[in-house]
Amino acid sequence: MADRRRLARAPWRTLSTREVYANPWMRLREDLAELPDGRTTVYGVVECKPAVGVLPFLDEQTVVLVGQYRYVARHFLWEMPTGGVRAGEGLEDAARRELAEEAGYAADRLVKLCAFDSSKSIVEETAHIYLAEGLRPVGGEADDTEFIEVRAFPFADVLRMVEASEIRDAMTVVAVLHAARRRR
């Protein structure tokens, strides 16, 4: 057991990699990795572009959420505007674009709340979370595959929805909990 603990911080080494599948949003690869103890294992990795999420506040007590049917979850979900960062696009620029496209707002201020790995085991994706203030309506157009409902909610209701697991989107949960902590 002591040897395993000693090797806990030792990096794994990629011996080979091959692409299994790719589309514009993600890539699936299969690696042959050498473990810290010298053994090898096959490891599947889903690569995604960095992601952004924006929790938009209309005022101190009101946030805007977007709702849409999510194919993988197989039901309608409320969440904050989120999306992938395009090649050559800055994180704040991506956050502003997603806010306009999905919710129809521009923000005077973006405050970075955090960055986190959406899944540490098989998905390579970093999510960057922002809070938006000083909102003003703008014309925005959703992606071709998005059919979005936009609605304002009291922040207290959104926090309750997170606590009751009614909102389960990881990026939204993280943003709401960070915003609640900042408000104390």
Protein backbone atom coordinates (compact mmCIF):
# COMPACT_ATOMS: atom_id res chain seq x y z
CA MET A 1 0.00 0.00 0.00
CA ALA A 2 2.85 2.40 0.79
CA ASP A 3 4.25 1.97 -2.75
CA ARG A 4 0.90 2.91 -4.28
CA ARG A 5 0.73 6.08 -2.15
CA ARG A 6 4.30 6.94 -3.16
CA LEU A 7 3.30 6.71 -6.82
CA ALA A 8 0.12 8.79 -6.43
CA ARG A 9 1.79 11.95 -7.77
CA ALA A 10 3.89 10.25 -10.44
CA PRO A 11 2.76 11.20 -13.96
CA TRP A 12 1.50 8.66 -16.43
CA ARG A 13 3.30 8.58 -19.78
CA THR A 14 1.52 8.45 -23.14
CA LEU A 15 3.16 5.78 -25.29
CA SER A 16 0.85 6.13 -28.31
CA THR A 17 -2.39 7.78 -29.29
CA ARG A 18 -4.90 7.33 -32.09
CA GLU A 19 -7.98 9.24 -33.09
CA VAL A 20 -11.14 7.14 -32.90
CA TYR A 21 -13.70 9.80 -33.88
CA ALA A 22 -13.94 13.56 -34.41
CA ASN A 23 -16.55 16.20 -35.22
CA PRO A 24 -16.52 20.01 -34.92
CA TRP A 25 -17.35 19.86 -31.16
CA MET A 26 -15.28 16.99 -29.81
CA ARG A 27 -12.62 14.41 -30.52
CA LEU A 28 -12.36 10.88 -29.10
CA ARG A 29 -8.90 9.39 -28.83
CA GLU A 30 -7.51 6.15 -27.45
CA ASP A 31 -4.13 6.29 -25.73
CA LEU A 32 -1.77 3.56 -24.61
CA ALA A 33 -0.52 4.88 -21.27
CA GLU A 34 2.27 3.70 -19.01
CA LEU A 35 1.27 3.68 -15.35
CA PRO A 36 3.67 4.83 -12.61
CA ASP A 37 4.47 1.20 -11.75
CA GLY A 38 5.48 0.37 -15.35
CA ARG A 39 2.33 -1.47 -16.43
CA THR A 40 0.37 -0.21 -19.45
CA THR A 41 -3.33 0.43 -19.98
CA VAL A 42 -5.63 1.61 -22.75
CA TYR A 43 -7.25 4.96 -21.89
CA GLY A 44 -10.10 6.64 -23.76
CA VAL A 45 -10.19 10.45 -23.73
CA VAL A 46 -12.90 12.80 -24.98
CA GLU A 47 -11.31 16.13 -25.98
CA CYS A 48 -13.50 19.24 -25.98
CA LYS A 49 -12.73 22.87 -26.64
CA PRO A 50 -12.64 25.12 -23.57
CA ALA A 51 -16.13 26.10 -22.48
CA VAL A 52 -17.61 29.29 -21.03
CA GLY A 53 -20.68 29.91 -18.93
CA VAL A 54 -22.27 33.22 -17.95
CA LEU A 55 -24.64 33.79 -15.03
CA PRO A 56 -26.40 37.04 -16.06
CA PHE A 57 -27.89 39.27 -13.34
CA LEU A 58 -30.62 41.68 -14.47
CA ASP A 59 -30.42 43.31 -11.03
CA GLU A 60 -29.26 42.30 -7.54
CA GLN A 61 -32.08 39.78 -7.11
CA THR A 62 -32.82 38.52 -10.64
CA VAL A 63 -30.94 36.24 -13.02
CA VAL A 64 -31.64 35.21 -16.58
CA LEU A 65 -31.66 31.50 -17.43
CA VAL A 66 -32.10 29.77 -20.74
CA GLY A 67 -34.13 26.62 -21.14
CA GLN A 68 -33.92 24.01 -23.82
CA TYR A 69 -34.49 20.35 -24.48
CA ARG A 70 -31.17 18.58 -24.00
CA TYR A 71 -30.79 15.54 -26.24
CA VAL A 72 -28.43 13.58 -23.96
CA ALA A 73 -30.46 14.26 -20.79
CA ARG A 74 -33.71 13.57 -22.71
CA HIS A 75 -35.63 16.43 -21.11
CA PHE A 76 -35.99 20.22 -20.87
CA LEU A 77 -33.47 21.94 -18.58
CA TRP A 78 -32.95 25.43 -17.18
CA GLU A 79 -29.33 26.58 -17.22
CA MET A 80 -27.20 29.65 -17.75
CA PRO A 81 -25.90 30.53 -21.24
CA THR A 82 -22.94 28.25 -22.02
CA GLY A 83 -20.91 27.20 -25.00
CA GLY A 84 -17.58 26.37 -26.53
CA VAL A 85 -14.76 28.79 -27.22
CA ARG A 86 -14.07 29.17 -30.93
CA ALA A 87 -10.55 28.94 -32.36
CA GLY A 88 -8.70 32.22 -31.77
CA GLU A 89 -11.46 33.61 -29.54
CA GLY A 90 -10.70 34.97 -26.07
CA LEU A 91 -12.58 33.61 -23.06
CA GLU A 92 -14.39 36.88 -22.30
CA ASP A 93 -15.25 37.33 -25.98
CA ALA A 94 -16.74 33.83 -26.03
CA ALA A 95 -18.71 34.54 -22.85
CA ARG A 96 -20.10 37.77 -24.35
CA ARG A 97 -20.98 35.98 -27.61
CA GLU A 98 -22.82 33.17 -25.80
CA LEU A 99 -24.72 35.68 -23.63
CA ALA A 100 -25.90 37.54 -26.74
CA GLU A 101 -26.67 34.42 -28.80
CA GLU A 102 -28.53 32.48 -26.15
CA ALA A 103 -30.07 35.10 -23.85
CA GLY A 104 -30.16 38.22 -26.05
CA TYR A 105 -28.12 40.42 -23.70
CA ALA A 106 -24.83 42.30 -23.61
CA ALA A 107 -23.10 43.00 -20.28
CA ASP A 108 -21.26 46.08 -19.08
CA ARG A 109 -19.20 43.91 -16.70
CA LEU A 110 -18.04 40.32 -16.60
CA VAL A 111 -16.57 38.97 -13.37
CA LYS A 112 -14.60 35.72 -13.59
CA LEU A 113 -15.88 33.38 -10.88
CA CYS A 114 -13.69 30.33 -11.53
CA ALA A 115 -12.35 27.74 -13.92
CA PHE A 116 -12.83 24.03 -13.38
CA ASP A 117 -12.40 20.70 -15.12
CA SER A 118 -15.84 19.45 -16.07
CA SER A 119 -14.72 15.82 -15.74
CA LYS A 120 -11.33 14.77 -14.48
CA SER A 121 -11.36 11.16 -15.60
CA ILE A 122 -12.23 10.82 -19.30
CA VAL A 123 -13.20 14.29 -20.57
CA GLU A 124 -10.55 16.91 -21.30
CA GLU A 125 -12.50 20.16 -20.94
CA THR A 126 -11.96 23.29 -18.86
CA ALA A 127 -15.02 25.42 -18.09
CA HIS A 128 -14.60 29.14 -17.39
CA ILE A 129 -17.44 30.69 -15.40
CA TYR A 130 -18.43 34.37 -15.39
CA LEU A 131 -21.00 36.53 -13.67
CA ALA A 132 -22.51 39.25 -15.90
CA GLU A 133 -23.82 42.60 -14.66
CA GLY A 134 -25.15 45.75 -16.29
CA LEU A 135 -27.25 43.89 -18.85
CA ARG A 136 -28.88 45.50 -21.85
CA PRO A 137 -30.94 43.75 -24.54
CA VAL A 138 -29.23 43.06 -27.87
CA GLY A 139 -30.13 41.07 -30.92
CA GLY A 140 -28.54 37.67 -30.83
CA GLU A 141 -29.05 34.56 -32.88
CA ALA A 142 -28.77 31.07 -31.43
CA ASP A 143 -26.88 28.32 -33.22
CA ASP A 144 -28.81 26.33 -35.84
CA THR A 145 -29.32 23.42 -33.42
CA GLU A 146 -30.53 25.56 -30.49
CA PHE A 147 -34.19 26.22 -29.68
CA ILE A 148 -34.07 28.35 -26.54
CA GLU A 149 -36.56 29.81 -24.07
CA VAL A 150 -35.26 32.80 -22.06
CA ARG A 151 -36.70 33.63 -18.63
CA ALA A 152 -35.85 35.82 -15.64
CA PHE A 153 -35.89 34.15 -12.20
CA PRO A 154 -35.46 35.45 -8.67
CA PHE A 155 -31.95 34.40 -7.64
CA ALA A 156 -33.37 32.86 -4.43
CA ASP A 157 -35.53 30.54 -6.59
CA VAL A 158 -32.54 29.55 -8.73
CA LEU A 159 -30.49 28.75 -5.61
CA ARG A 160 -33.40 26.63 -4.32
CA MET A 161 -33.57 24.87 -7.72
CA VAL A 162 -29.87 24.01 -7.47
CA GLU A 163 -30.24 22.76 -3.90
CA ALA A 164 -33.22 20.59 -4.93
CA SER A 165 -31.31 19.19 -7.96
CA GLU A 166 -33.85 20.75 -10.32
CA ILE A 167 -30.90 22.50 -11.99
CA ARG A 168 -28.25 19.83 -12.60
CA ASP A 169 -26.02 21.37 -15.27
CA ALA A 170 -22.55 21.39 -13.66
CA MET A 171 -21.52 24.79 -15.01
CA THR A 172 -24.74 26.39 -13.78
CA VAL A 173 -24.55 24.71 -10.37
CA VAL A 174 -20.97 25.91 -9.88
CA ALA A 175 -21.85 29.46 -10.97
CA VAL A 176 -24.93 29.71 -8.73
CA LEU A 177 -23.06 28.42 -5.68
CA HIS A 178 -20.17 30.84 -6.32
CA ALA A 179 -22.62 33.73 -6.74
CA ALA A 180 -24.46 32.75 -3.53
CA ARG A 181 -21.16 32.67 -1.61
CA ARG A 182 -20.25 36.14 -2.94
CA ARG A 183 -23.61 37.53 -1.82
CA ARG A 184 -23.16 36.57 1.86
